[in-house]
Amino acid sequence: MSDRTPAHPAHRGADGPRKRPASGASQRGGAPERGNVPQRGSSGTTKPSQPTRLPPQRENPATKVDVHDPDGVRLQKLLAAAGVGSRRTCENLITAGRVVVDGHLVTELGVRIDPNTQTVHVDGSRVQLDESRVYLAFNKPLGVVSTMSDDLGRTCVGDFVSNRKERLFHVGRLDADTEGLLLLTNDGELAHRLQHPSYGVLKTYLAQIPGPVPRDLGKRLREGIELEDGPVRIDSFKLVDSAPGKALVEVQLHEGRKHIVRRLLEAVGHPVITLVRTDVGPIRLGDLRSGRMRSLNRPEIGQLYSAAGL
C-alpha cells in the first residue's frame, strides 16, 4: 500500500465513490486542482516547484534595420527639424513606407541615423539634414560681376551677402551684362554637379535678338554649332515673342562655358541685345526682384538634389 496521502482527503461512504467538487465551485476550502499547489509526501516536505518561465524579451525590430545607428538621432526627429512636417506627420510618412535611408526603405519608428553621413529621401526627394547648409536664389542685376570679392572695386555678388556668417559661393557665373538667376550655397558637392555638363542640369535663358528669326534656327542650334573652343548644341529653342526688327527667344542648354549663349547666337547671325537667365534646373527666377534673394524651400532643395543625381 502506498504511504502517499492526499493533502485534503475526501470522505467516503462505506461503498460509495469519492465525491467530486461541483464544477465552478470556489477553490477556497475545497480540494485544489492538481498542480495548483505543491504536493506533500509522507515526510511533510514540499517538493520543489518547476522554475517559472518568463516570456521571451521582445527585440526592437528597428535595431535590425541595416541603416540603424544606435548613437544617432531618431529619424522622425530629424525629418521634423528639416521642415518635412510635424513629428506626428513624419512618423506617419515612415510607417507608410515613404522614407528611404541610404537606399533602404525604413518603416520602423525606432530607427536612428547619423545626419552627417547618411542620406534620406522622402517620396523620392532628398531631404537636407545638415542645418548649416544654405541655399539661396539671387536675381543678379546688370553690371554686377559674378565673384565674391573684386580687387577692382566693382560691385560683385559678394557685396549682397556680406552680412551673412556662412562662407557662400555662387553656382556658375553670369557675366556682368547678363542678369537673372544665380544660385548661392555652401554645399560644394551640389554646386559642382549643377555646373558640370555631364549631369545635364538645364539652364534656361531669355534672349532678345535682332529679328526676324528664321524658321530653321532652332533646328540648327539643336544639331550643333562649331565654336572656337569646340561644338555646342542646345537642348531646346523657342520663339517667345517677336516685333519688327527684334525677337524674344528662349534657349535651354546644359553647357556652362563662358558667354556660351552670347557666342552661340552671334555665330548664327543673331547677336544678343539683352540676356536673362530664368531657370537653373527646377529652380525658377519667378517674380524675384532684381538685387533680391530668397532661401530655397525644402521641396526645391530636394528637386535640385534629384536633378544633380544625389
C-alpha atoms as a PDB file:
ATOM      1  CA  MET A   1       0.000   0.000   0.000  1.00  0.00           C
ATOM      2  CA  SER A   2       1.256   3.486  -0.859  1.00  0.00           C
ATOM      3  CA  ASP A   3       2.166   5.744   2.043  1.00  0.00           C
ATOM      4  CA  ARG A   4       1.207   8.840  -0.110  1.00  0.00           C
ATOM      5  CA  THR A   5      -1.882  10.607   1.121  1.00  0.00           C
ATOM      6  CA  PRO A   6      -3.698  13.498  -0.499  1.00  0.00           C
ATOM      7  CA  ALA A   7      -3.401  16.901   1.118  1.00  0.00           C
ATOM      8  CA  HIS A   8      -7.153  17.072   1.689  1.00  0.00           C
ATOM      9  CA  PRO A   9      -8.693  13.574   1.821  1.00  0.00           C
ATOM     10  CA  ALA A  10     -12.327  13.392   0.861  1.00  0.00           C
ATOM     11  CA  HIS A  11     -14.767  11.359   2.991  1.00  0.00           C
ATOM     12  CA  ARG A  12     -16.300   8.272   1.507  1.00  0.00           C
ATOM     13  CA  GLY A  13     -19.229   6.264   2.431  1.00  0.00           C
ATOM     14  CA  ALA A  14     -18.726   2.576   3.057  1.00  0.00           C
ATOM     15  CA  ASP A  15     -19.221   1.620  -0.538  1.00  0.00           C
ATOM     16  CA  GLY A  16     -19.754   4.978  -2.238  1.00  0.00           C
ATOM     17  CA  PRO A  17     -17.314   6.614  -4.579  1.00  0.00           C
ATOM     18  CA  ARG A  18     -15.340   9.721  -3.720  1.00  0.00           C
ATOM     19  CA  LYS A  19     -17.369  12.844  -4.334  1.00  0.00           C
ATOM     20  CA  ARG A  20     -16.022  15.469  -6.698  1.00  0.00           C
ATOM     21  CA  PRO A  21     -16.496  19.165  -6.032  1.00  0.00           C
ATOM     22  CA  ALA A  22     -19.142  20.838  -8.086  1.00  0.00           C
ATOM     23  CA  SER A  23     -17.953  22.445 -11.300  1.00  0.00           C
ATOM     24  CA  GLY A  24     -17.079  26.106 -10.858  1.00  0.00           C
ATOM     25  CA  ALA A  25     -17.011  25.886  -7.055  1.00  0.00           C
ATOM     26  CA  SER A  26     -14.659  28.169  -5.165  1.00  0.00           C
ATOM     27  CA  GLN A  27     -11.243  26.662  -4.514  1.00  0.00           C
ATOM     28  CA  ARG A  28     -11.142  28.114  -1.028  1.00  0.00           C
ATOM     29  CA  GLY A  29     -11.600  25.351   1.493  1.00  0.00           C
ATOM     30  CA  GLY A  30     -12.210  22.878  -1.296  1.00  0.00           C
ATOM     31  CA  ALA A  31      -9.894  20.452  -2.953  1.00  0.00           C
ATOM     32  CA  PRO A  32      -7.409  22.344  -5.090  1.00  0.00           C
ATOM     33  CA  GLU A  33      -6.876  21.249  -8.641  1.00  0.00           C
ATOM     34  CA  ARG A  34      -3.858  19.106  -9.183  1.00  0.00           C
ATOM     35  CA  GLY A  35      -0.769  21.127  -9.994  1.00  0.00           C
ATOM     36  CA  ASN A  36      -2.001  24.357  -8.394  1.00  0.00           C
ATOM     37  CA  VAL A  37      -0.393  23.651  -5.002  1.00  0.00           C
ATOM     38  CA  PRO A  38       2.741  21.743  -4.098  1.00  0.00           C
ATOM     39  CA  GLN A  39       2.198  18.082  -3.139  1.00  0.00           C
ATOM     40  CA  ARG A  40       3.474  16.737   0.167  1.00  0.00           C
ATOM     41  CA  GLY A  41       4.965  13.373   0.722  1.00  0.00           C
ATOM     42  CA  SER A  42       4.856  11.319   3.910  1.00  0.00           C
ATOM     43  CA  SER A  43       7.759  13.312   5.265  1.00  0.00           C
ATOM     44  CA  GLY A  44       5.772  16.534   5.099  1.00  0.00           C
ATOM     45  CA  THR A  45       8.400  18.272   2.989  1.00  0.00           C
ATOM     46  CA  THR A  46       7.400  20.292  -0.056  1.00  0.00           C
ATOM     47  CA  LYS A  47       8.622  19.174  -3.457  1.00  0.00           C
ATOM     48  CA  PRO A  48      10.398  21.875  -5.418  1.00  0.00           C
ATOM     49  CA  SER A  49       8.125  23.531  -7.947  1.00  0.00           C
ATOM     50  CA  GLN A  50       9.027  23.932 -11.620  1.00  0.00           C
ATOM     51  CA  PRO A  51      11.065  27.087 -12.400  1.00  0.00           C
ATOM     52  CA  THR A  52       8.987  29.990 -13.595  1.00  0.00           C
ATOM     53  CA  ARG A  53       9.301  30.581 -17.335  1.00  0.00           C
ATOM     54  CA  LEU A  54       9.469  34.271 -18.264  1.00  0.00           C
ATOM     55  CA  PRO A  55       8.020  35.394 -21.576  1.00  0.00           C
ATOM     56  CA  PRO A  56      10.676  35.963 -24.246  1.00  0.00           C
ATOM     57  CA  GLN A  57      12.024  39.502 -24.426  1.00  0.00           C
ATOM     58  CA  ARG A  58      10.762  41.379 -27.466  1.00  0.00           C
ATOM     59  CA  GLU A  59      13.505  42.985 -29.518  1.00  0.00           C
ATOM     60  CA  ASN A  60      13.005  46.361 -31.135  1.00  0.00           C
ATOM     61  CA  PRO A  61      12.775  45.472 -34.839  1.00  0.00           C
ATOM     62  CA  ALA A  62      14.214  48.872 -35.703  1.00  0.00           C
ATOM     63  CA  THR A  63      17.590  47.795 -34.312  1.00  0.00           C
ATOM     64  CA  LYS A  64      17.754  45.145 -37.038  1.00  0.00           C
ATOM     65  CA  VAL A  65      17.418  47.682 -39.850  1.00  0.00           C
ATOM     66  CA  ASP A  66      20.634  47.937 -41.874  1.00  0.00           C
ATOM     67  CA  VAL A  67      20.782  51.725 -41.594  1.00  0.00           C
ATOM     68  CA  HIS A  68      20.200  51.889 -37.823  1.00  0.00           C
ATOM     69  CA  ASP A  69      22.873  53.790 -35.882  1.00  0.00           C
ATOM     70  CA  PRO A  70      22.389  53.345 -32.118  1.00  0.00           C
ATOM     71  CA  ASP A  71      24.335  56.555 -31.474  1.00  0.00           C
ATOM     72  CA  GLY A  72      22.341  58.558 -33.999  1.00  0.00           C
ATOM     73  CA  VAL A  73      19.208  60.697 -33.846  1.00  0.00           C
ATOM     74  CA  ARG A  74      15.682  59.394 -34.297  1.00  0.00           C
ATOM     75  CA  LEU A  75      14.681  59.600 -37.931  1.00  0.00           C
ATOM     76  CA  GLN A  76      11.332  61.296 -37.333  1.00  0.00           C
ATOM     77  CA  LYS A  77      13.016  63.976 -35.217  1.00  0.00           C
ATOM     78  CA  LEU A  78      15.493  64.782 -37.984  1.00  0.00           C
ATOM     79  CA  LEU A  79      12.744  64.946 -40.587  1.00  0.00           C
ATOM     80  CA  ALA A  80      10.707  67.318 -38.446  1.00  0.00           C
ATOM     81  CA  ALA A  81      13.758  69.528 -37.839  1.00  0.00           C
ATOM     82  CA  ALA A  82      14.372  69.621 -41.604  1.00  0.00           C
ATOM     83  CA  GLY A  83      10.907  71.043 -42.154  1.00  0.00           C
ATOM     84  CA  VAL A  84       9.270  67.956 -43.628  1.00  0.00           C
ATOM     85  CA  GLY A  85       6.347  68.274 -41.212  1.00  0.00           C
ATOM     86  CA  SER A  86       5.342  67.817 -37.602  1.00  0.00           C
ATOM     87  CA  ARG A  87       6.777  64.907 -35.626  1.00  0.00           C
ATOM     88  CA  ARG A  88       3.500  63.007 -36.000  1.00  0.00           C
ATOM     89  CA  THR A  89       3.408  63.691 -39.737  1.00  0.00           C
ATOM     90  CA  CYS A  90       6.963  62.394 -40.100  1.00  0.00           C
ATOM     91  CA  GLU A  91       6.100  59.251 -38.135  1.00  0.00           C
ATOM     92  CA  ASN A  92       3.199  58.620 -40.494  1.00  0.00           C
ATOM     93  CA  LEU A  93       5.484  59.086 -43.506  1.00  0.00           C
ATOM     94  CA  ILE A  94       7.861  56.462 -42.111  1.00  0.00           C
ATOM     95  CA  THR A  95       5.213  53.860 -41.313  1.00  0.00           C
ATOM     96  CA  ALA A  96       3.584  54.462 -44.705  1.00  0.00           C
ATOM     97  CA  GLY A  97       6.811  53.403 -46.438  1.00  0.00           C
ATOM     98  CA  ARG A  98       7.621  56.798 -47.936  1.00  0.00           C
ATOM     99  CA  VAL A  99      11.065  57.271 -46.346  1.00  0.00           C
ATOM    100  CA  VAL A 100      14.319  55.788 -47.652  1.00  0.00           C
ATOM    101  CA  VAL A 101      17.673  55.958 -45.836  1.00  0.00           C
ATOM    102  CA  ASP A 102      20.846  55.154 -47.780  1.00  0.00           C
ATOM    103  CA  GLY A 103      18.744  53.355 -50.361  1.00  0.00           C
ATOM    104  CA  HIS A 104      16.904  51.207 -47.785  1.00  0.00           C
ATOM    105  CA  LEU A 105      13.183  51.550 -47.133  1.00  0.00           C
ATOM    106  CA  VAL A 106      12.542  52.294 -43.449  1.00  0.00           C
ATOM    107  CA  THR A 107       9.138  51.666 -41.869  1.00  0.00           C
ATOM    108  CA  GLU A 108      10.090  51.341 -38.183  1.00  0.00           C
ATOM    109  CA  LEU A 109       9.850  54.336 -35.865  1.00  0.00           C
ATOM    110  CA  GLY A 110      12.803  53.390 -33.671  1.00  0.00           C
ATOM    111  CA  VAL A 111      15.459  53.882 -36.345  1.00  0.00           C
ATOM    112  CA  ARG A 112      18.277  56.286 -35.518  1.00  0.00           C
ATOM    113  CA  ILE A 113      20.645  57.681 -38.133  1.00  0.00           C
ATOM    114  CA  ASP A 114      23.702  59.911 -38.400  1.00  0.00           C
ATOM    115  CA  PRO A 115      22.681  63.092 -40.266  1.00  0.00           C
ATOM    116  CA  ASN A 116      26.313  63.826 -41.141  1.00  0.00           C
ATOM    117  CA  THR A 117      26.960  60.594 -43.018  1.00  0.00           C
ATOM    118  CA  GLN A 118      23.589  59.224 -44.137  1.00  0.00           C
ATOM    119  CA  THR A 119      21.150  60.399 -46.792  1.00  0.00           C
ATOM    120  CA  VAL A 120      17.363  60.458 -46.532  1.00  0.00           C
ATOM    121  CA  HIS A 121      14.762  60.648 -49.285  1.00  0.00           C
ATOM    122  CA  VAL A 122      11.042  61.268 -48.798  1.00  0.00           C
ATOM    123  CA  ASP A 123       8.817  60.403 -51.748  1.00  0.00           C
ATOM    124  CA  GLY A 124      11.938  60.239 -53.902  1.00  0.00           C
ATOM    125  CA  SER A 125      13.262  63.698 -52.993  1.00  0.00           C
ATOM    126  CA  ARG A 126      16.369  64.073 -50.889  1.00  0.00           C
ATOM    127  CA  VAL A 127      15.995  65.833 -47.537  1.00  0.00           C
ATOM    128  CA  GLN A 128      18.856  68.065 -46.433  1.00  0.00           C
ATOM    129  CA  LEU A 129      19.510  67.173 -42.798  1.00  0.00           C
ATOM    130  CA  ASP A 130      22.515  69.437 -42.286  1.00  0.00           C
ATOM    131  CA  GLU A 131      21.122  72.649 -40.830  1.00  0.00           C
ATOM    132  CA  SER A 132      24.352  74.504 -41.611  1.00  0.00           C
ATOM    133  CA  ARG A 133      23.718  74.248 -45.361  1.00  0.00           C
ATOM    134  CA  VAL A 134      22.414  77.353 -47.115  1.00  0.00           C
ATOM    135  CA  TYR A 135      20.656  77.521 -50.491  1.00  0.00           C
ATOM    136  CA  LEU A 136      19.765  80.919 -51.956  1.00  0.00           C
ATOM    137  CA  ALA A 137      18.258  82.141 -55.212  1.00  0.00           C
ATOM    138  CA  PHE A 138      19.619  85.556 -56.225  1.00  0.00           C
ATOM    139  CA  ASN A 139      18.421  87.818 -59.023  1.00  0.00           C
ATOM    140  CA  LYS A 140      21.731  89.267 -60.177  1.00  0.00           C
ATOM    141  CA  PRO A 141      21.365  92.792 -61.533  1.00  0.00           C
ATOM    142  CA  LEU A 142      23.075  94.138 -64.638  1.00  0.00           C
ATOM    143  CA  GLY A 143      26.598  95.381 -64.021  1.00  0.00           C
ATOM    144  CA  VAL A 144      27.287  93.051 -61.073  1.00  0.00           C
ATOM    145  CA  VAL A 145      30.243  90.707 -61.541  1.00  0.00           C
ATOM    146  CA  SER A 146      29.931  87.062 -60.506  1.00  0.00           C
ATOM    147  CA  THR A 147      32.638  86.984 -57.846  1.00  0.00           C
ATOM    148  CA  MET A 148      32.524  87.002 -54.068  1.00  0.00           C
ATOM    149  CA  SER A 149      35.091  89.834 -53.948  1.00  0.00           C
ATOM    150  CA  ASP A 150      36.616  92.161 -56.511  1.00  0.00           C
ATOM    151  CA  ASP A 151      40.070  93.738 -56.394  1.00  0.00           C
ATOM    152  CA  LEU A 152      38.983  96.445 -58.823  1.00  0.00           C
ATOM    153  CA  GLY A 153      36.250  97.672 -56.540  1.00  0.00           C
ATOM    154  CA  ARG A 154      33.410  96.696 -58.860  1.00  0.00           C
ATOM    155  CA  THR A 155      30.059  95.696 -57.411  1.00  0.00           C
ATOM    156  CA  CYS A 156      30.085  91.926 -57.025  1.00  0.00           C
ATOM    157  CA  VAL A 157      27.806  89.166 -55.808  1.00  0.00           C
ATOM    158  CA  GLY A 158      29.692  89.003 -52.509  1.00  0.00           C
ATOM    159  CA  ASP A 159      28.534  92.525 -51.659  1.00  0.00           C
ATOM    160  CA  PHE A 160      24.945  91.265 -51.421  1.00  0.00           C
ATOM    161  CA  VAL A 161      25.772  88.573 -48.831  1.00  0.00           C
ATOM    162  CA  SER A 162      28.483  90.368 -46.847  1.00  0.00           C
ATOM    163  CA  ASN A 163      26.307  90.341 -43.715  1.00  0.00           C
ATOM    164  CA  ARG A 164      25.928  86.553 -43.680  1.00  0.00           C
ATOM    165  CA  LYS A 165      28.139  84.420 -41.461  1.00  0.00           C
ATOM    166  CA  GLU A 166      28.301  81.465 -43.867  1.00  0.00           C
ATOM    167  CA  ARG A 167      31.036  81.206 -46.459  1.00  0.00           C
ATOM    168  CA  LEU A 168      28.943  81.158 -49.618  1.00  0.00           C
ATOM    169  CA  PHE A 169      29.911  80.761 -53.248  1.00  0.00           C
ATOM    170  CA  HIS A 170      27.987  81.141 -56.499  1.00  0.00           C
ATOM    171  CA  VAL A 171      26.961  78.177 -58.643  1.00  0.00           C
ATOM    172  CA  GLY A 172      28.352  79.023 -62.059  1.00  0.00           C
ATOM    173  CA  ARG A 173      28.657  82.548 -63.392  1.00  0.00           C
ATOM    174  CA  LEU A 174      26.694  85.212 -65.181  1.00  0.00           C
ATOM    175  CA  ASP A 175      28.691  87.893 -66.949  1.00  0.00           C
ATOM    176  CA  ALA A 176      28.193  91.499 -65.912  1.00  0.00           C
ATOM    177  CA  ASP A 177      25.925  92.201 -68.904  1.00  0.00           C
ATOM    178  CA  THR A 178      23.631  89.271 -68.084  1.00  0.00           C
ATOM    179  CA  GLU A 179      21.043  89.409 -65.341  1.00  0.00           C
ATOM    180  CA  GLY A 180      18.877  86.814 -63.692  1.00  0.00           C
ATOM    181  CA  LEU A 181      19.007  83.703 -61.561  1.00  0.00           C
ATOM    182  CA  LEU A 182      22.213  82.822 -59.752  1.00  0.00           C
ATOM    183  CA  LEU A 183      22.286  80.191 -57.009  1.00  0.00           C
ATOM    184  CA  LEU A 184      24.399  80.703 -53.886  1.00  0.00           C
ATOM    185  CA  THR A 185      25.271  77.920 -51.457  1.00  0.00           C
ATOM    186  CA  ASN A 186      27.895  76.415 -49.177  1.00  0.00           C
ATOM    187  CA  ASP A 187      27.130  72.891 -50.433  1.00  0.00           C
ATOM    188  CA  GLY A 188      30.187  72.102 -52.527  1.00  0.00           C
ATOM    189  CA  GLU A 189      29.123  68.731 -53.897  1.00  0.00           C
ATOM    190  CA  LEU A 190      25.771  70.007 -55.122  1.00  0.00           C
ATOM    191  CA  ALA A 191      27.344  73.130 -56.643  1.00  0.00           C
ATOM    192  CA  HIS A 192      29.876  71.044 -58.556  1.00  0.00           C
ATOM    193  CA  ARG A 193      27.232  68.769 -60.027  1.00  0.00           C
ATOM    194  CA  LEU A 194      24.925  71.613 -61.005  1.00  0.00           C
ATOM    195  CA  GLN A 195      27.749  73.190 -63.017  1.00  0.00           C
ATOM    196  CA  HIS A 196      29.202  70.071 -64.625  1.00  0.00           C
ATOM    197  CA  PRO A 197      27.684  69.342 -68.064  1.00  0.00           C
ATOM    198  CA  SER A 198      27.854  65.572 -67.517  1.00  0.00           C
ATOM    199  CA  TYR A 199      24.930  65.814 -65.076  1.00  0.00           C
ATOM    200  CA  GLY A 200      22.760  67.528 -67.683  1.00  0.00           C
ATOM    201  CA  VAL A 201      21.213  70.194 -65.457  1.00  0.00           C
ATOM    202  CA  LEU A 202      19.412  72.593 -67.777  1.00  0.00           C
ATOM    203  CA  LYS A 203      19.794  76.365 -67.639  1.00  0.00           C
ATOM    204  CA  THR A 204      17.108  78.473 -69.295  1.00  0.00           C
ATOM    205  CA  TYR A 205      17.688  81.919 -70.820  1.00  0.00           C
ATOM    206  CA  LEU A 206      15.517  84.577 -72.408  1.00  0.00           C
ATOM    207  CA  ALA A 207      17.438  86.450 -75.082  1.00  0.00           C
ATOM    208  CA  GLN A 208      16.374  89.462 -77.085  1.00  0.00           C
ATOM    209  CA  ILE A 209      17.932  89.255 -80.524  1.00  0.00           C
ATOM    210  CA  PRO A 210      17.565  91.026 -83.879  1.00  0.00           C
ATOM    211  CA  GLY A 211      14.678  89.688 -85.930  1.00  0.00           C
ATOM    212  CA  PRO A 212      13.163  88.176 -87.860  1.00  0.00           C
ATOM    213  CA  VAL A 213      14.096  84.667 -86.709  1.00  0.00           C
ATOM    214  CA  PRO A 214      14.427  82.042 -89.466  1.00  0.00           C
ATOM    215  CA  ARG A 215      12.197  79.009 -89.044  1.00  0.00           C
ATOM    216  CA  ASP A 216      15.126  76.623 -89.088  1.00  0.00           C
ATOM    217  CA  LEU A 217      17.173  78.458 -86.446  1.00  0.00           C
ATOM    218  CA  GLY A 218      16.082  76.158 -83.627  1.00  0.00           C
ATOM    219  CA  LYS A 219      16.924  73.072 -85.666  1.00  0.00           C
ATOM    220  CA  ARG A 220      20.389  74.413 -86.489  1.00  0.00           C
ATOM    221  CA  LEU A 221      21.097  75.166 -82.837  1.00  0.00           C
ATOM    222  CA  ARG A 222      19.895  71.736 -81.694  1.00  0.00           C
ATOM    223  CA  GLU A 223      22.044  69.999 -84.301  1.00  0.00           C
ATOM    224  CA  GLY A 224      25.109  71.873 -83.093  1.00  0.00           C
ATOM    225  CA  ILE A 225      27.240  74.893 -83.904  1.00  0.00           C
ATOM    226  CA  GLU A 226      31.027  74.856 -84.114  1.00  0.00           C
ATOM    227  CA  LEU A 227      32.652  77.499 -81.901  1.00  0.00           C
ATOM    228  CA  GLU A 228      36.337  78.337 -81.418  1.00  0.00           C
ATOM    229  CA  ASP A 229      36.507  76.088 -78.330  1.00  0.00           C
ATOM    230  CA  GLY A 230      34.503  73.220 -79.784  1.00  0.00           C
ATOM    231  CA  PRO A 231      30.977  72.346 -80.886  1.00  0.00           C
ATOM    232  CA  VAL A 232      27.928  73.132 -78.785  1.00  0.00           C
ATOM    233  CA  ARG A 233      24.332  72.017 -79.046  1.00  0.00           C
ATOM    234  CA  ILE A 234      21.354  73.436 -77.226  1.00  0.00           C
ATOM    235  CA  ASP A 235      18.635  71.296 -75.678  1.00  0.00           C
ATOM    236  CA  SER A 236      15.648  73.464 -76.567  1.00  0.00           C
ATOM    237  CA  PHE A 237      14.779  76.601 -78.544  1.00  0.00           C
ATOM    238  CA  LYS A 238      11.516  78.525 -78.646  1.00  0.00           C
ATOM    239  CA  LEU A 239      10.357  81.790 -80.169  1.00  0.00           C
ATOM    240  CA  VAL A 240       8.541  83.576 -77.337  1.00  0.00           C
ATOM    241  CA  ASP A 241       7.653  86.887 -78.976  1.00  0.00           C
ATOM    242  CA  SER A 242       8.520  88.965 -81.999  1.00  0.00           C
ATOM    243  CA  ALA A 243       8.207  92.549 -83.179  1.00  0.00           C
ATOM    244  CA  PRO A 244       9.534  94.406 -86.194  1.00  0.00           C
ATOM    245  CA  GLY A 245      13.304  94.130 -86.109  1.00  0.00           C
ATOM    246  CA  LYS A 246      13.619  92.082 -82.895  1.00  0.00           C
ATOM    247  CA  ALA A 247      12.571  88.831 -81.256  1.00  0.00           C
ATOM    248  CA  LEU A 248      12.497  87.241 -77.821  1.00  0.00           C
ATOM    249  CA  VAL A 249      13.685  83.636 -77.761  1.00  0.00           C
ATOM    250  CA  GLU A 250      14.078  81.017 -75.045  1.00  0.00           C
ATOM    251  CA  VAL A 251      17.224  78.903 -75.070  1.00  0.00           C
ATOM    252  CA  GLN A 252      17.848  75.851 -72.878  1.00  0.00           C
ATOM    253  CA  LEU A 253      21.203  74.117 -72.582  1.00  0.00           C
ATOM    254  CA  HIS A 254      23.303  72.280 -70.033  1.00  0.00           C
ATOM    255  CA  GLU A 255      26.620  73.703 -71.213  1.00  0.00           C
ATOM    256  CA  GLY A 256      28.388  76.124 -68.898  1.00  0.00           C
ATOM    257  CA  ARG A 257      31.173  77.610 -70.974  1.00  0.00           C
ATOM    258  CA  LYS A 258      31.928  81.298 -70.690  1.00  0.00           C
ATOM    259  CA  HIS A 259      29.492  83.552 -72.597  1.00  0.00           C
ATOM    260  CA  ILE A 260      28.135  80.424 -74.260  1.00  0.00           C
ATOM    261  CA  VAL A 261      24.665  81.787 -75.131  1.00  0.00           C
ATOM    262  CA  ARG A 262      26.005  85.074 -76.482  1.00  0.00           C
ATOM    263  CA  ARG A 263      28.679  83.362 -78.582  1.00  0.00           C
ATOM    264  CA  LEU A 264      26.237  80.776 -79.868  1.00  0.00           C
ATOM    265  CA  LEU A 265      23.610  83.265 -81.042  1.00  0.00           C
ATOM    266  CA  GLU A 266      26.225  85.570 -82.531  1.00  0.00           C
ATOM    267  CA  ALA A 267      27.615  82.640 -84.516  1.00  0.00           C
ATOM    268  CA  VAL A 268      24.243  82.190 -86.237  1.00  0.00           C
ATOM    269  CA  GLY A 269      23.866  85.879 -87.031  1.00  0.00           C
ATOM    270  CA  HIS A 270      21.681  86.992 -84.116  1.00  0.00           C
ATOM    271  CA  PRO A 271      23.856  88.769 -81.530  1.00  0.00           C
ATOM    272  CA  VAL A 272      22.264  89.148 -78.120  1.00  0.00           C
ATOM    273  CA  ILE A 273      20.766  92.504 -77.171  1.00  0.00           C
ATOM    274  CA  THR A 274      19.658  91.548 -73.648  1.00  0.00           C
ATOM    275  CA  LEU A 275      20.020  88.262 -71.783  1.00  0.00           C
ATOM    276  CA  VAL A 276      18.293  86.969 -68.645  1.00  0.00           C
ATOM    277  CA  ARG A 277      18.701  83.566 -67.011  1.00  0.00           C
ATOM    278  CA  THR A 278      15.311  82.451 -65.734  1.00  0.00           C
ATOM    279  CA  ASP A 279      15.869  78.858 -64.554  1.00  0.00           C
ATOM    280  CA  VAL A 280      18.549  76.588 -63.156  1.00  0.00           C
ATOM    281  CA  GLY A 281      17.211  73.051 -63.250  1.00  0.00           C
ATOM    282  CA  PRO A 282      13.915  73.060 -61.332  1.00  0.00           C
ATOM    283  CA  ILE A 283      14.535  76.467 -59.698  1.00  0.00           C
ATOM    284  CA  ARG A 284      12.751  79.403 -61.311  1.00  0.00           C
ATOM    285  CA  LEU A 285      13.501  83.097 -61.019  1.00  0.00           C
ATOM    286  CA  GLY A 286       9.799  83.888 -60.856  1.00  0.00           C
ATOM    287  CA  ASP A 287       8.920  87.369 -59.640  1.00  0.00           C
ATOM    288  CA  LEU A 288      12.053  87.803 -57.527  1.00  0.00           C
ATOM    289  CA  ARG A 289      13.085  91.426 -57.920  1.00  0.00           C
ATOM    290  CA  SER A 290      16.495  92.473 -59.195  1.00  0.00           C
ATOM    291  CA  GLY A 291      19.096  92.546 -56.421  1.00  0.00           C
ATOM    292  CA  ARG A 292      16.959  90.470 -54.056  1.00  0.00           C
ATOM    293  CA  MET A 293      17.424  86.914 -52.858  1.00  0.00           C
ATOM    294  CA  ARG A 294      15.389  84.238 -51.148  1.00  0.00           C
ATOM    295  CA  SER A 295      16.049  80.935 -49.414  1.00  0.00           C
ATOM    296  CA  LEU A 296      15.043  77.829 -51.310  1.00  0.00           C
ATOM    297  CA  ASN A 297      12.335  75.796 -49.640  1.00  0.00           C
ATOM    298  CA  ARG A 298      12.638  72.116 -48.775  1.00  0.00           C
ATOM    299  CA  PRO A 299      10.925  70.782 -51.937  1.00  0.00           C
ATOM    300  CA  GLU A 300      13.142  72.980 -54.126  1.00  0.00           C
ATOM    301  CA  ILE A 301      16.288  71.705 -52.411  1.00  0.00           C
ATOM    302  CA  GLY A 302      15.090  68.145 -52.891  1.00  0.00           C
ATOM    303  CA  GLN A 303      14.404  68.807 -56.573  1.00  0.00           C
ATOM    304  CA  LEU A 304      17.889  70.264 -57.009  1.00  0.00           C
ATOM    305  CA  TYR A 305      19.417  67.149 -55.469  1.00  0.00           C
ATOM    306  CA  SER A 306      17.367  64.952 -57.776  1.00  0.00           C
ATOM    307  CA  ALA A 307      18.418  66.995 -60.814  1.00  0.00           C
ATOM    308  CA  ALA A 308      22.061  66.572 -59.784  1.00  0.00           C
ATOM    309  CA  GLY A 309      21.692  62.837 -59.201  1.00  0.00           C
ATOM    310  CA  LEU A 310      22.097  62.995 -55.416  1.00  0.00           C
END
